[in-house]
């Protein structure tokens, strides 16, 4: 049994699902590009790395998308296409659900802000 829940990624109005047992190998690929610490530092957000990481996740789930398409969408100005949405989605995937719940119950404000945004965001 996996500690992760299925992850649904949305791109161009199509859903892509990553199964719980596939999340950890996916995270290893994402972390080869960007770390959890990088994503947590909103003052130094590496936009190119965010686009590449989200691209890895989408392709892992079966999407046909280029990183430069994702990079362009980070600057669209639309909340569902923003860098914040991509970062929130990556953070929500990278933090195991049980740990996330513990932090939310404790009121951990550093974790709570990106997680609340991740609940209803999508990048397309």
PDB file of N, CA and C in Angstrom:
ATOM      1  N   UNK A   1       0.841  -1.174   0.000  1.00  0.00           N
ATOM      2  CA  UNK A   1       0.000   0.000   0.000  1.00  0.00           C
ATOM      3  C   UNK A   1       0.893   1.247   0.000  1.00  0.00           C
ATOM      4  N   UNK A   2       0.557   2.204  -0.817  1.00  0.00           N
ATOM      5  CA  UNK A   2       1.329   3.434  -0.957  1.00  0.00           C
ATOM      6  C   UNK A   2       0.888   4.485   0.057  1.00  0.00           C
ATOM      7  N   UNK A   3       1.812   5.345   0.439  1.00  0.00           N
ATOM      8  CA  UNK A   3       1.464   6.464   1.327  1.00  0.00           C
ATOM      9  C   UNK A   3       0.817   7.600   0.552  1.00  0.00           C
ATOM     10  N   UNK A   4       0.863   7.512  -0.772  1.00  0.00           N
ATOM     11  CA  UNK A   4       0.342   8.576  -1.629  1.00  0.00           C
ATOM     12  C   UNK A   4      -1.064   8.264  -2.113  1.00  0.00           C
ATOM     13  N   UNK A   5      -1.751   9.303  -2.512  1.00  0.00           N
ATOM     14  CA  UNK A   5      -3.074   9.193  -3.128  1.00  0.00           C
ATOM     15  C   UNK A   5      -2.896   9.400  -4.636  1.00  0.00           C
ATOM     16  N   UNK A   6      -3.861   8.950  -5.456  1.00  0.00           N
ATOM     17  CA  UNK A   6      -3.755   9.234  -6.891  1.00  0.00           C
ATOM     18  C   UNK A   6      -3.711  10.746  -7.119  1.00  0.00           C
ATOM     19  N   UNK A   7      -2.961  11.150  -8.129  1.00  0.00           N
ATOM     20  CA  UNK A   7      -2.842  12.567  -8.465  1.00  0.00           C
ATOM     21  C   UNK A   7      -3.438  12.778  -9.844  1.00  0.00           C
ATOM     22  N   UNK A   8      -4.326  13.755  -9.949  1.00  0.00           N
ATOM     23  CA  UNK A   8      -4.909  14.102 -11.233  1.00  0.00           C
ATOM     24  C   UNK A   8      -4.317  15.420 -11.690  1.00  0.00           C
ATOM     25  N   UNK A   9      -3.700  15.398 -12.860  1.00  0.00           N
ATOM     26  CA  UNK A   9      -3.148  16.599 -13.474  1.00  0.00           C
ATOM     27  C   UNK A   9      -4.049  16.974 -14.635  1.00  0.00           C
ATOM     28  N   UNK A  10      -4.265  18.267 -14.829  1.00  0.00           N
ATOM     29  CA  UNK A  10      -5.102  18.734 -15.919  1.00  0.00           C
ATOM     30  C   UNK A  10      -4.252  19.607 -16.834  1.00  0.00           C
ATOM     31  N   UNK A  11      -4.328  19.301 -18.126  1.00  0.00           N
ATOM     32  CA  UNK A  11      -3.623  20.114 -19.115  1.00  0.00           C
ATOM     33  C   UNK A  11      -4.494  20.189 -20.358  1.00  0.00           C
ATOM     34  N   UNK A  12      -4.778  21.407 -20.786  1.00  0.00           N
ATOM     35  CA  UNK A  12      -5.653  21.631 -21.947  1.00  0.00           C
ATOM     36  C   UNK A  12      -6.979  20.890 -21.803  1.00  0.00           C
ATOM     37  N   UNK A  13      -7.555  21.027 -20.614  1.00  0.00           N
ATOM     38  CA  UNK A  13      -8.862  20.453 -20.288  1.00  0.00           C
ATOM     39  C   UNK A  13      -8.913  18.929 -20.343  1.00  0.00           C
ATOM     40  N   UNK A  14      -7.767  18.268 -20.338  1.00  0.00           N
ATOM     41  CA  UNK A  14      -7.730  16.812 -20.301  1.00  0.00           C
ATOM     42  C   UNK A  14      -7.075  16.383 -19.000  1.00  0.00           C
ATOM     43  N   UNK A  15      -7.626  15.350 -18.370  1.00  0.00           N
ATOM     44  CA  UNK A  15      -7.102  14.862 -17.102  1.00  0.00           C
ATOM     45  C   UNK A  15      -6.116  13.726 -17.326  1.00  0.00           C
ATOM     46  N   UNK A  16      -5.056  13.753 -16.527  1.00  0.00           N
ATOM     47  CA  UNK A  16      -4.038  12.701 -16.536  1.00  0.00           C
ATOM     48  C   UNK A  16      -3.856  12.243 -15.105  1.00  0.00           C
ATOM     49  N   UNK A  17      -3.897  10.938 -14.880  1.00  0.00           N
ATOM     50  CA  UNK A  17      -3.837  10.410 -13.519  1.00  0.00           C
ATOM     51  C   UNK A  17      -2.527   9.661 -13.303  1.00  0.00           C
ATOM     52  N   UNK A  18      -1.905   9.956 -12.164  1.00  0.00           N
ATOM     53  CA  UNK A  18      -0.714   9.234 -11.724  1.00  0.00           C
ATOM     54  C   UNK A  18      -1.157   8.355 -10.559  1.00  0.00           C
ATOM     55  N   UNK A  19      -0.933   7.056 -10.685  1.00  0.00           N
ATOM     56  CA  UNK A  19      -1.334   6.107  -9.651  1.00  0.00           C
ATOM     57  C   UNK A  19      -0.442   6.259  -8.426  1.00  0.00           C
ATOM     58  N   UNK A  20      -0.974   5.938  -7.246  1.00  0.00           N
ATOM     59  CA  UNK A  20      -0.205   6.100  -6.010  1.00  0.00           C
ATOM     60  C   UNK A  20       1.176   5.437  -6.037  1.00  0.00           C
ATOM     61  N   UNK A  21       1.260   4.230  -6.582  1.00  0.00           N
ATOM     62  CA  UNK A  21       2.546   3.532  -6.598  1.00  0.00           C
ATOM     63  C   UNK A  21       3.518   4.091  -7.636  1.00  0.00           C
ATOM     64  N   UNK A  22       3.071   5.015  -8.468  1.00  0.00           N
ATOM     65  CA  UNK A  22       3.937   5.648  -9.464  1.00  0.00           C
ATOM     66  C   UNK A  22       4.440   7.027  -9.023  1.00  0.00           C
ATOM     67  N   UNK A  23       3.926   7.534  -7.911  1.00  0.00           N
ATOM     68  CA  UNK A  23       4.258   8.897  -7.499  1.00  0.00           C
ATOM     69  C   UNK A  23       5.702   9.025  -7.041  1.00  0.00           C
ATOM     70  N   UNK A  24       6.196   8.109  -6.237  1.00  0.00           N
ATOM     71  CA  UNK A  24       7.561   8.236  -5.743  1.00  0.00           C
ATOM     72  C   UNK A  24       8.591   8.215  -6.881  1.00  0.00           C
ATOM     73  N   UNK A  25       8.488   7.298  -7.855  1.00  0.00           N
ATOM     74  CA  UNK A  25       9.423   7.372  -8.980  1.00  0.00           C
ATOM     75  C   UNK A  25       9.290   8.684  -9.768  1.00  0.00           C
ATOM     76  N   UNK A  26       8.063   9.183  -9.879  1.00  0.00           N
ATOM     77  CA  UNK A  26       7.855  10.471 -10.531  1.00  0.00           C
ATOM     78  C   UNK A  26       8.538  11.587  -9.746  1.00  0.00           C
ATOM     79  N   UNK A  27       8.400  11.566  -8.427  1.00  0.00           N
ATOM     80  CA  UNK A  27       9.040  12.591  -7.602  1.00  0.00           C
ATOM     81  C   UNK A  27      10.559  12.563  -7.750  1.00  0.00           C
ATOM     82  N   UNK A  28      11.127  11.391  -7.889  1.00  0.00           N
ATOM     83  CA  UNK A  28      12.577  11.295  -8.092  1.00  0.00           C
ATOM     84  C   UNK A  28      12.978  12.011  -9.387  1.00  0.00           C
ATOM     85  N   UNK A  29      12.167  11.857 -10.423  1.00  0.00           N
ATOM     86  CA  UNK A  29      12.457  12.557 -11.680  1.00  0.00           C
ATOM     87  C   UNK A  29      12.283  14.060 -11.527  1.00  0.00           C
ATOM     88  N   UNK A  30      11.240  14.472 -10.833  1.00  0.00           N
ATOM     89  CA  UNK A  30      11.000  15.902 -10.611  1.00  0.00           C
ATOM     90  C   UNK A  30      12.148  16.508  -9.811  1.00  0.00           C
ATOM     91  N   UNK A  31      12.595  15.797  -8.764  1.00  0.00           N
ATOM     92  CA  UNK A  31      13.665  16.317  -7.917  1.00  0.00           C
ATOM     93  C   UNK A  31      15.013  16.375  -8.627  1.00  0.00           C
ATOM     94  N   UNK A  32      15.125  15.722  -9.757  1.00  0.00           N
ATOM     95  CA  UNK A  32      16.357  15.867 -10.538  1.00  0.00           C
ATOM     96  C   UNK A  32      16.418  17.243 -11.190  1.00  0.00           C
ATOM     97  N   UNK A  33      15.278  17.926 -11.219  1.00  0.00           N
ATOM     98  CA  UNK A  33      15.186  19.260 -11.817  1.00  0.00           C
ATOM     99  C   UNK A  33      15.014  20.343 -10.753  1.00  0.00           C
ATOM    100  N   UNK A  34      14.128  20.104  -9.797  1.00  0.00           N
ATOM    101  CA  UNK A  34      13.823  21.127  -8.789  1.00  0.00           C
ATOM    102  C   UNK A  34      13.528  20.444  -7.451  1.00  0.00           C
ATOM    103  N   UNK A  35      14.003  21.046  -6.371  1.00  0.00           N
ATOM    104  CA  UNK A  35      13.801  20.460  -5.047  1.00  0.00           C
ATOM    105  C   UNK A  35      12.583  21.066  -4.352  1.00  0.00           C
ATOM    106  N   UNK A  36      12.158  20.390  -3.316  1.00  0.00           N
ATOM    107  CA  UNK A  36      11.058  20.893  -2.497  1.00  0.00           C
ATOM    108  C   UNK A  36      11.430  22.252  -1.900  1.00  0.00           C
ATOM    109  N   UNK A  37      12.691  22.415  -1.513  1.00  0.00           N
ATOM    110  CA  UNK A  37      13.158  23.691  -0.971  1.00  0.00           C
ATOM    111  C   UNK A  37      13.089  24.794  -2.023  1.00  0.00           C
ATOM    112  N   UNK A  38      13.451  24.480  -3.264  1.00  0.00           N
ATOM    113  CA  UNK A  38      13.351  25.472  -4.346  1.00  0.00           C
ATOM    114  C   UNK A  38      11.917  25.946  -4.512  1.00  0.00           C
ATOM    115  N   UNK A  39      10.991  24.999  -4.486  1.00  0.00           N
ATOM    116  CA  UNK A  39       9.582  25.330  -4.684  1.00  0.00           C
ATOM    117  C   UNK A  39       8.994  26.101  -3.505  1.00  0.00           C
ATOM    118  N   UNK A  40       9.578  25.924  -2.333  1.00  0.00           N
ATOM    119  CA  UNK A  40       9.073  26.588  -1.132  1.00  0.00           C
ATOM    120  C   UNK A  40       9.547  28.029  -1.003  1.00  0.00           C
ATOM    121  N   UNK A  41      10.560  28.417  -1.761  1.00  0.00           N
ATOM    122  CA  UNK A  41      11.105  29.774  -1.672  1.00  0.00           C
ATOM    123  C   UNK A  41      10.462  30.653  -2.744  1.00  0.00           C
ATOM    124  N   UNK A  42       9.336  31.277  -2.396  1.00  0.00           N
ATOM    125  CA  UNK A  42       8.588  32.071  -3.375  1.00  0.00           C
ATOM    126  C   UNK A  42       9.343  33.320  -3.827  1.00  0.00           C
ATOM    127  N   UNK A  43      10.344  33.742  -3.069  1.00  0.00           N
ATOM    128  CA  UNK A  43      11.126  34.914  -3.458  1.00  0.00           C
ATOM    129  C   UNK A  43      12.165  34.611  -4.540  1.00  0.00           C
ATOM    130  N   UNK A  44      12.463  33.330  -4.731  1.00  0.00           N
ATOM    131  CA  UNK A  44      13.455  32.925  -5.726  1.00  0.00           C
ATOM    132  C   UNK A  44      12.938  31.755  -6.562  1.00  0.00           C
ATOM    133  N   UNK A  45      11.729  31.866  -6.983  1.00  0.00           N
ATOM    134  CA  UNK A  45      11.089  30.782  -7.713  1.00  0.00           C
ATOM    135  C   UNK A  45      11.757  30.582  -9.076  1.00  0.00           C
ATOM    136  N   UNK A  46      12.284  29.387  -9.319  1.00  0.00           N
ATOM    137  CA  UNK A  46      12.949  29.109 -10.591  1.00  0.00           C
ATOM    138  C   UNK A  46      11.930  28.713 -11.668  1.00  0.00           C
ATOM    139  N   UNK A  47      11.409  29.699 -12.394  1.00  0.00           N
ATOM    140  CA  UNK A  47      10.314  29.459 -13.343  1.00  0.00           C
ATOM    141  C   UNK A  47      10.635  28.389 -14.388  1.00  0.00           C
ATOM    142  N   UNK A  48      11.823  28.401 -14.932  1.00  0.00           N
ATOM    143  CA  UNK A  48      12.185  27.392 -15.937  1.00  0.00           C
ATOM    144  C   UNK A  48      12.153  25.997 -15.324  1.00  0.00           C
ATOM    145  N   UNK A  49      12.655  25.880 -14.112  1.00  0.00           N
ATOM    146  CA  UNK A  49      12.647  24.573 -13.447  1.00  0.00           C
ATOM    147  C   UNK A  49      11.230  24.132 -13.093  1.00  0.00           C
ATOM    148  N   UNK A  50      10.395  25.076 -12.709  1.00  0.00           N
ATOM    149  CA  UNK A  50       8.992  24.750 -12.421  1.00  0.00           C
ATOM    150  C   UNK A  50       8.319  24.203 -13.684  1.00  0.00           C
ATOM    151  N   UNK A  51       8.542  24.871 -14.806  1.00  0.00           N
ATOM    152  CA  UNK A  51       7.959  24.421 -16.074  1.00  0.00           C
ATOM    153  C   UNK A  51       8.472  23.026 -16.439  1.00  0.00           C
ATOM    154  N   UNK A  52       9.760  22.808 -16.267  1.00  0.00           N
ATOM    155  CA  UNK A  52      10.337  21.502 -16.584  1.00  0.00           C
ATOM    156  C   UNK A  52       9.781  20.413 -15.662  1.00  0.00           C
ATOM    157  N   UNK A  53       9.660  20.726 -14.368  1.00  0.00           N
ATOM    158  CA  UNK A  53       9.137  19.751 -13.401  1.00  0.00           C
ATOM    159  C   UNK A  53       7.683  19.402 -13.699  1.00  0.00           C
ATOM    160  N   UNK A  54       6.883  20.417 -13.993  1.00  0.00           N
ATOM    161  CA  UNK A  54       5.478  20.151 -14.311  1.00  0.00           C
ATOM    162  C   UNK A  54       5.376  19.368 -15.618  1.00  0.00           C
ATOM    163  N   UNK A  55       6.263  19.670 -16.551  1.00  0.00           N
ATOM    164  CA  UNK A  55       6.309  18.914 -17.809  1.00  0.00           C
ATOM    165  C   UNK A  55       6.634  17.449 -17.568  1.00  0.00           C
ATOM    166  N   UNK A  56       7.580  17.194 -16.683  1.00  0.00           N
ATOM    167  CA  UNK A  56       7.918  15.809 -16.338  1.00  0.00           C
ATOM    168  C   UNK A  56       6.686  15.099 -15.795  1.00  0.00           C
ATOM    169  N   UNK A  57       5.969  15.765 -14.887  1.00  0.00           N
ATOM    170  CA  UNK A  57       4.783  15.152 -14.291  1.00  0.00           C
ATOM    171  C   UNK A  57       3.706  14.872 -15.338  1.00  0.00           C
ATOM    172  N   UNK A  58       3.461  15.835 -16.199  1.00  0.00           N
ATOM    173  CA  UNK A  58       2.444  15.646 -17.233  1.00  0.00           C
ATOM    174  C   UNK A  58       2.819  14.526 -18.200  1.00  0.00           C
ATOM    175  N   UNK A  59       4.062  14.511 -18.640  1.00  0.00           N
ATOM    176  CA  UNK A  59       4.490  13.444 -19.562  1.00  0.00           C
ATOM    177  C   UNK A  59       4.466  12.078 -18.882  1.00  0.00           C
ATOM    178  N   UNK A  60       4.836  12.025 -17.620  1.00  0.00           N
ATOM    179  CA  UNK A  60       4.796  10.783 -16.857  1.00  0.00           C
ATOM    180  C   UNK A  60       3.376  10.229 -16.833  1.00  0.00           C
ATOM    181  N   UNK A  61       2.414  11.137 -16.770  1.00  0.00           N
ATOM    182  CA  UNK A  61       0.999  10.745 -16.730  1.00  0.00           C
ATOM    183  C   UNK A  61       0.411  10.524 -18.122  1.00  0.00           C
ATOM    184  N   UNK A  62       1.207  10.738 -19.179  1.00  0.00           N
ATOM    185  CA  UNK A  62       0.746  10.437 -20.527  1.00  0.00           C
ATOM    186  C   UNK A  62       0.463  11.627 -21.431  1.00  0.00           C
ATOM    187  N   UNK A  63       0.675  12.841 -20.954  1.00  0.00           N
ATOM    188  CA  UNK A  63       0.416  14.021 -21.795  1.00  0.00           C
ATOM    189  C   UNK A  63       1.533  14.201 -22.818  1.00  0.00           C
ATOM    190  N   UNK A  64       1.163  14.802 -23.926  1.00  0.00           N
ATOM    191  CA  UNK A  64       2.147  15.165 -24.954  1.00  0.00           C
ATOM    192  C   UNK A  64       2.283  16.683 -24.900  1.00  0.00           C
ATOM    193  N   UNK A  65       3.323  17.142 -24.196  1.00  0.00           N
ATOM    194  CA  UNK A  65       3.510  18.570 -23.981  1.00  0.00           C
ATOM    195  C   UNK A  65       4.996  18.877 -23.895  1.00  0.00           C
ATOM    196  N   UNK A  66       5.367  20.029 -24.406  1.00  0.00           N
ATOM    197  CA  UNK A  66       6.757  20.490 -24.333  1.00  0.00           C
ATOM    198  C   UNK A  66       6.901  21.471 -23.177  1.00  0.00           C
ATOM    199  N   UNK A  67       8.062  21.464 -22.563  1.00  0.00           N
ATOM    200  CA  UNK A  67       8.308  22.342 -21.418  1.00  0.00           C
ATOM    201  C   UNK A  67       8.134  23.814 -21.766  1.00  0.00           C
ATOM    202  N   UNK A  68       8.497  24.198 -22.985  1.00  0.00           N
ATOM    203  CA  UNK A  68       8.366  25.615 -23.344  1.00  0.00           C
ATOM    204  C   UNK A  68       6.906  26.050 -23.411  1.00  0.00           C
ATOM    205  N   UNK A  69       5.989  25.125 -23.752  1.00  0.00           N
ATOM    206  CA  UNK A  69       4.556  25.448 -23.728  1.00  0.00           C
ATOM    207  C   UNK A  69       4.110  25.736 -22.293  1.00  0.00           C
ATOM    208  N   UNK A  70       4.582  24.922 -21.379  1.00  0.00           N
ATOM    209  CA  UNK A  70       4.243  25.110 -19.972  1.00  0.00           C
ATOM    210  C   UNK A  70       4.856  26.403 -19.458  1.00  0.00           C
ATOM    211  N   UNK A  71       6.104  26.655 -19.817  1.00  0.00           N
ATOM    212  CA  UNK A  71       6.787  27.877 -19.388  1.00  0.00           C
ATOM    213  C   UNK A  71       5.987  29.115 -19.815  1.00  0.00           C
ATOM    214  N   UNK A  72       5.540  29.129 -21.068  1.00  0.00           N
ATOM    215  CA  UNK A  72       4.747  30.258 -21.560  1.00  0.00           C
ATOM    216  C   UNK A  72       3.470  30.421 -20.744  1.00  0.00           C
ATOM    217  N   UNK A  73       2.828  29.313 -20.399  1.00  0.00           N
ATOM    218  CA  UNK A  73       1.568  29.395 -19.658  1.00  0.00           C
ATOM    219  C   UNK A  73       1.756  29.917 -18.236  1.00  0.00           C
ATOM    220  N   UNK A  74       2.963  29.818 -17.693  1.00  0.00           N
ATOM    221  CA  UNK A  74       3.215  30.328 -16.342  1.00  0.00           C
ATOM    222  C   UNK A  74       3.037  31.840 -16.255  1.00  0.00           C
ATOM    223  N   UNK A  75       3.157  32.501 -17.392  1.00  0.00           N
ATOM    224  CA  UNK A  75       3.082  33.962 -17.424  1.00  0.00           C
ATOM    225  C   UNK A  75       1.783  34.465 -18.058  1.00  0.00           C
ATOM    226  N   UNK A  76       0.790  33.603 -18.178  1.00  0.00           N
ATOM    227  CA  UNK A  76      -0.441  33.970 -18.871  1.00  0.00           C
ATOM    228  C   UNK A  76      -1.292  34.979 -18.110  1.00  0.00           C
ATOM    229  N   UNK A  77      -1.107  35.061 -16.807  1.00  0.00           N
ATOM    230  CA  UNK A  77      -1.922  35.980 -16.014  1.00  0.00           C
ATOM    231  C   UNK A  77      -3.209  35.348 -15.513  1.00  0.00           C
ATOM    232  N   UNK A  78      -3.616  34.239 -16.101  1.00  0.00           N
ATOM    233  CA  UNK A  78      -4.801  33.501 -15.669  1.00  0.00           C
ATOM    234  C   UNK A  78      -4.412  32.670 -14.449  1.00  0.00           C
ATOM    235  N   UNK A  79      -5.203  32.759 -13.385  1.00  0.00           N
ATOM    236  CA  UNK A  79      -4.881  32.063 -12.143  1.00  0.00           C
ATOM    237  C   UNK A  79      -4.689  30.566 -12.330  1.00  0.00           C
ATOM    238  N   UNK A  80      -5.454  29.937 -13.233  1.00  0.00           N
ATOM    239  CA  UNK A  80      -5.338  28.500 -13.428  1.00  0.00           C
ATOM    240  C   UNK A  80      -4.120  28.128 -14.265  1.00  0.00           C
ATOM    241  N   UNK A  81      -3.446  29.107 -14.847  1.00  0.00           N
ATOM    242  CA  UNK A  81      -2.286  28.847 -15.678  1.00  0.00           C
ATOM    243  C   UNK A  81      -1.001  29.411 -15.060  1.00  0.00           C
ATOM    244  N   UNK A  82      -1.069  29.892 -13.852  1.00  0.00           N
ATOM    245  CA  UNK A  82       0.033  30.644 -13.268  1.00  0.00           C
ATOM    246  C   UNK A  82       1.124  29.752 -12.688  1.00  0.00           C
ATOM    247  N   UNK A  83       2.251  30.383 -12.421  1.00  0.00           N
ATOM    248  CA  UNK A  83       3.354  29.693 -11.759  1.00  0.00           C
ATOM    249  C   UNK A  83       2.912  29.208 -10.381  1.00  0.00           C
ATOM    250  N   UNK A  84       2.103  30.009  -9.699  1.00  0.00           N
ATOM    251  CA  UNK A  84       1.618  29.612  -8.371  1.00  0.00           C
ATOM    252  C   UNK A  84       0.805  28.324  -8.447  1.00  0.00           C
ATOM    253  N   UNK A  85       0.003  28.181  -9.487  1.00  0.00           N
ATOM    254  CA  UNK A  85      -0.793  26.958  -9.649  1.00  0.00           C
ATOM    255  C   UNK A  85       0.112  25.754  -9.882  1.00  0.00           C
ATOM    256  N   UNK A  86       1.141  25.927 -10.708  1.00  0.00           N
ATOM    257  CA  UNK A  86       2.069  24.829 -10.977  1.00  0.00           C
ATOM    258  C   UNK A  86       2.834  24.452  -9.717  1.00  0.00           C
ATOM    259  N   UNK A  87       3.327  25.460  -9.001  1.00  0.00           N
ATOM    260  CA  UNK A  87       4.075  25.200  -7.771  1.00  0.00           C
ATOM    261  C   UNK A  87       3.183  24.529  -6.740  1.00  0.00           C
ATOM    262  N   UNK A  88       1.971  25.022  -6.584  1.00  0.00           N
ATOM    263  CA  UNK A  88       1.046  24.425  -5.623  1.00  0.00           C
ATOM    264  C   UNK A  88       0.757  22.970  -5.968  1.00  0.00           C
ATOM    265  N   UNK A  89       0.571  22.699  -7.247  1.00  0.00           N
ATOM    266  CA  UNK A  89       0.338  21.324  -7.674  1.00  0.00           C
ATOM    267  C   UNK A  89       1.523  20.417  -7.397  1.00  0.00           C
ATOM    268  N   UNK A  90       2.732  20.915  -7.668  1.00  0.00           N
ATOM    269  CA  UNK A  90       3.932  20.123  -7.398  1.00  0.00           C
ATOM    270  C   UNK A  90       4.116  19.901  -5.902  1.00  0.00           C
ATOM    271  N   UNK A  91       3.895  20.946  -5.108  1.00  0.00           N
ATOM    272  CA  UNK A  91       4.027  20.804  -3.652  1.00  0.00           C
ATOM    273  C   UNK A  91       3.017  19.813  -3.103  1.00  0.00           C
ATOM    274  N   UNK A  92       1.790  19.891  -3.587  1.00  0.00           N
ATOM    275  CA  UNK A  92       0.752  18.978  -3.111  1.00  0.00           C
ATOM    276  C   UNK A  92       1.108  17.533  -3.433  1.00  0.00           C
ATOM    277  N   UNK A  93       1.784  17.315  -4.549  1.00  0.00           N
ATOM    278  CA  UNK A  93       2.195  15.974  -4.933  1.00  0.00           C
ATOM    279  C   UNK A  93       3.399  15.513  -4.108  1.00  0.00           C
ATOM    280  N   UNK A  94       4.309  16.422  -3.792  1.00  0.00           N
ATOM    281  CA  UNK A  94       5.568  16.066  -3.148  1.00  0.00           C
ATOM    282  C   UNK A  94       5.444  15.810  -1.652  1.00  0.00           C
ATOM    283  N   UNK A  95       4.431  16.375  -1.023  1.00  0.00           N
ATOM    284  CA  UNK A  95       4.265  16.189   0.423  1.00  0.00           C
ATOM    285  C   UNK A  95       3.254  15.068   0.647  1.00  0.00           C
ATOM    286  N   UNK A  96       3.667  13.970   1.310  1.00  0.00           N
ATOM    287  CA  UNK A  96       2.737  12.858   1.532  1.00  0.00           C
ATOM    288  C   UNK A  96       1.475  13.334   2.240  1.00  0.00           C
ATOM    289  N   UNK A  97       0.315  12.812   1.861  1.00  0.00           N
ATOM    290  CA  UNK A  97      -0.963  13.278   2.408  1.00  0.00           C
ATOM    291  C   UNK A  97      -1.031  13.286   3.937  1.00  0.00           C
ATOM    292  N   UNK A  98      -0.472  12.264   4.603  1.00  0.00           N
ATOM    293  CA  UNK A  98      -0.538  12.218   6.058  1.00  0.00           C
ATOM    294  C   UNK A  98       0.246  13.376   6.671  1.00  0.00           C
ATOM    295  N   UNK A  99       1.403  13.686   6.120  1.00  0.00           N
ATOM    296  CA  UNK A  99       2.215  14.786   6.635  1.00  0.00           C
ATOM    297  C   UNK A  99       1.531  16.122   6.365  1.00  0.00           C
ATOM    298  N   UNK A 100       0.929  16.231   5.212  1.00  0.00           N
ATOM    299  CA  UNK A 100       0.208  17.444   4.862  1.00  0.00           C
ATOM    300  C   UNK A 100      -0.914  17.702   5.853  1.00  0.00           C
ATOM    301  N   UNK A 101      -1.681  16.689   6.180  1.00  0.00           N
ATOM    302  CA  UNK A 101      -2.778  16.845   7.123  1.00  0.00           C
ATOM    303  C   UNK A 101      -2.271  17.244   8.508  1.00  0.00           C
ATOM    304  N   UNK A 102      -1.160  16.659   8.936  1.00  0.00           N
ATOM    305  CA  UNK A 102      -0.589  17.015  10.234  1.00  0.00           C
ATOM    306  C   UNK A 102      -0.224  18.496  10.266  1.00  0.00           C
ATOM    307  N   UNK A 103       0.377  18.991   9.201  1.00  0.00           N
ATOM    308  CA  UNK A 103       0.797  20.386   9.152  1.00  0.00           C
ATOM    309  C   UNK A 103      -0.406  21.316   9.125  1.00  0.00           C
ATOM    310  N   UNK A 104      -1.456  20.926   8.418  1.00  0.00           N
ATOM    311  CA  UNK A 104      -2.654  21.761   8.366  1.00  0.00           C
ATOM    312  C   UNK A 104      -3.361  21.797   9.717  1.00  0.00           C
ATOM    313  N   UNK A 105      -3.393  20.670  10.403  1.00  0.00           N
ATOM    314  CA  UNK A 105      -4.028  20.610  11.712  1.00  0.00           C
ATOM    315  C   UNK A 105      -3.249  21.469  12.710  1.00  0.00           C
ATOM    316  N   UNK A 106      -1.919  21.451  12.617  1.00  0.00           N
ATOM    317  CA  UNK A 106      -1.086  22.264  13.508  1.00  0.00           C
ATOM    318  C   UNK A 106      -1.173  23.738  13.166  1.00  0.00           C
ATOM    319  N   UNK A 107      -1.665  24.060  11.961  1.00  0.00           N
ATOM    320  CA  UNK A 107      -1.734  25.449  11.545  1.00  0.00           C
ATOM    321  C   UNK A 107      -0.398  25.962  11.032  1.00  0.00           C
ATOM    322  N   UNK A 108       0.411  25.098  10.472  1.00  0.00           N
ATOM    323  CA  UNK A 108       1.717  25.467   9.920  1.00  0.00           C
ATOM    324  C   UNK A 108       1.503  26.418   8.745  1.00  0.00           C
ATOM    325  N   UNK A 109       1.699  27.704   8.970  1.00  0.00           N
ATOM    326  CA  UNK A 109       1.399  28.707   7.947  1.00  0.00           C
ATOM    327  C   UNK A 109       2.328  28.632   6.758  1.00  0.00           C
ATOM    328  N   UNK A 110       3.545  28.164   6.931  1.00  0.00           N
ATOM    329  CA  UNK A 110       4.474  28.066   5.804  1.00  0.00           C
ATOM    330  C   UNK A 110       4.001  27.007   4.811  1.00  0.00           C
ATOM    331  N   UNK A 111       3.398  25.942   5.309  1.00  0.00           N
ATOM    332  CA  UNK A 111       2.909  24.883   4.434  1.00  0.00           C
ATOM    333  C   UNK A 111       1.481  25.156   4.007  1.00  0.00           C
ATOM    334  N   UNK A 112       0.708  25.762   4.879  1.00  0.00           N
ATOM    335  CA  UNK A 112      -0.722  25.932   4.630  1.00  0.00           C
ATOM    336  C   UNK A 112      -1.008  26.787   3.405  1.00  0.00           C
ATOM    337  N   UNK A 113      -0.279  27.860   3.197  1.00  0.00           N
ATOM    338  CA  UNK A 113      -0.573  28.756   2.086  1.00  0.00           C
ATOM    339  C   UNK A 113      -0.500  28.064   0.731  1.00  0.00           C
ATOM    340  N   UNK A 114       0.624  27.400   0.380  1.00  0.00           N
ATOM    341  CA  UNK A 114       0.645  26.765  -0.940  1.00  0.00           C
ATOM    342  C   UNK A 114      -0.321  25.597  -1.056  1.00  0.00           C
ATOM    343  N   UNK A 115      -0.597  24.921   0.052  1.00  0.00           N
ATOM    344  CA  UNK A 115      -1.478  23.765   0.000  1.00  0.00           C
ATOM    345  C   UNK A 115      -2.912  24.201  -0.243  1.00  0.00           C
ATOM    346  N   UNK A 116      -3.359  25.259   0.407  1.00  0.00           N
ATOM    347  CA  UNK A 116      -4.713  25.738   0.173  1.00  0.00           C
ATOM    348  C   UNK A 116      -4.905  26.108  -1.287  1.00  0.00           C
ATOM    349  N   UNK A 117      -3.911  26.725  -1.895  1.00  0.00           N
ATOM    350  CA  UNK A 117      -3.998  27.089  -3.300  1.00  0.00           C
ATOM    351  C   UNK A 117      -4.032  25.854  -4.183  1.00  0.00           C
ATOM    352  N   UNK A 118      -3.361  24.790  -3.763  1.00  0.00           N
ATOM    353  CA  UNK A 118      -3.254  23.593  -4.586  1.00  0.00           C
ATOM    354  C   UNK A 118      -4.563  22.828  -4.706  1.00  0.00           C
ATOM    355  N   UNK A 119      -5.442  23.011  -3.773  1.00  0.00           N
ATOM    356  CA  UNK A 119      -6.660  22.208  -3.759  1.00  0.00           C
ATOM    357  C   UNK A 119      -7.508  22.388  -5.007  1.00  0.00           C
ATOM    358  N   UNK A 120      -7.581  23.584  -5.540  1.00  0.00           N
ATOM    359  CA  UNK A 120      -8.484  23.831  -6.656  1.00  0.00           C
ATOM    360  C   UNK A 120      -7.769  24.373  -7.883  1.00  0.00           C
ATOM    361  N   UNK A 121      -6.464  24.243  -7.942  1.00  0.00           N
ATOM    362  CA  UNK A 121      -5.732  24.812  -9.068  1.00  0.00           C
ATOM    363  C   UNK A 121      -5.441  23.758 -10.126  1.00  0.00           C
ATOM    364  N   UNK A 122      -5.290  24.237 -11.324  1.00  0.00           N
ATOM    365  CA  UNK A 122      -4.850  23.368 -12.410  1.00  0.00           C
ATOM    366  C   UNK A 122      -4.011  24.218 -13.364  1.00  0.00           C
ATOM    367  N   UNK A 123      -3.171  23.565 -14.094  1.00  0.00           N
ATOM    368  CA  UNK A 123      -2.360  24.230 -15.103  1.00  0.00           C
ATOM    369  C   UNK A 123      -2.749  23.631 -16.430  1.00  0.00           C
ATOM    370  N   UNK A 124      -3.179  24.443 -17.367  1.00  0.00           N
ATOM    371  CA  UNK A 124      -3.573  23.892 -18.671  1.00  0.00           C
ATOM    372  C   UNK A 124      -3.082  24.745 -19.786  1.00  0.00           C
TER     373      UNK A 124
END
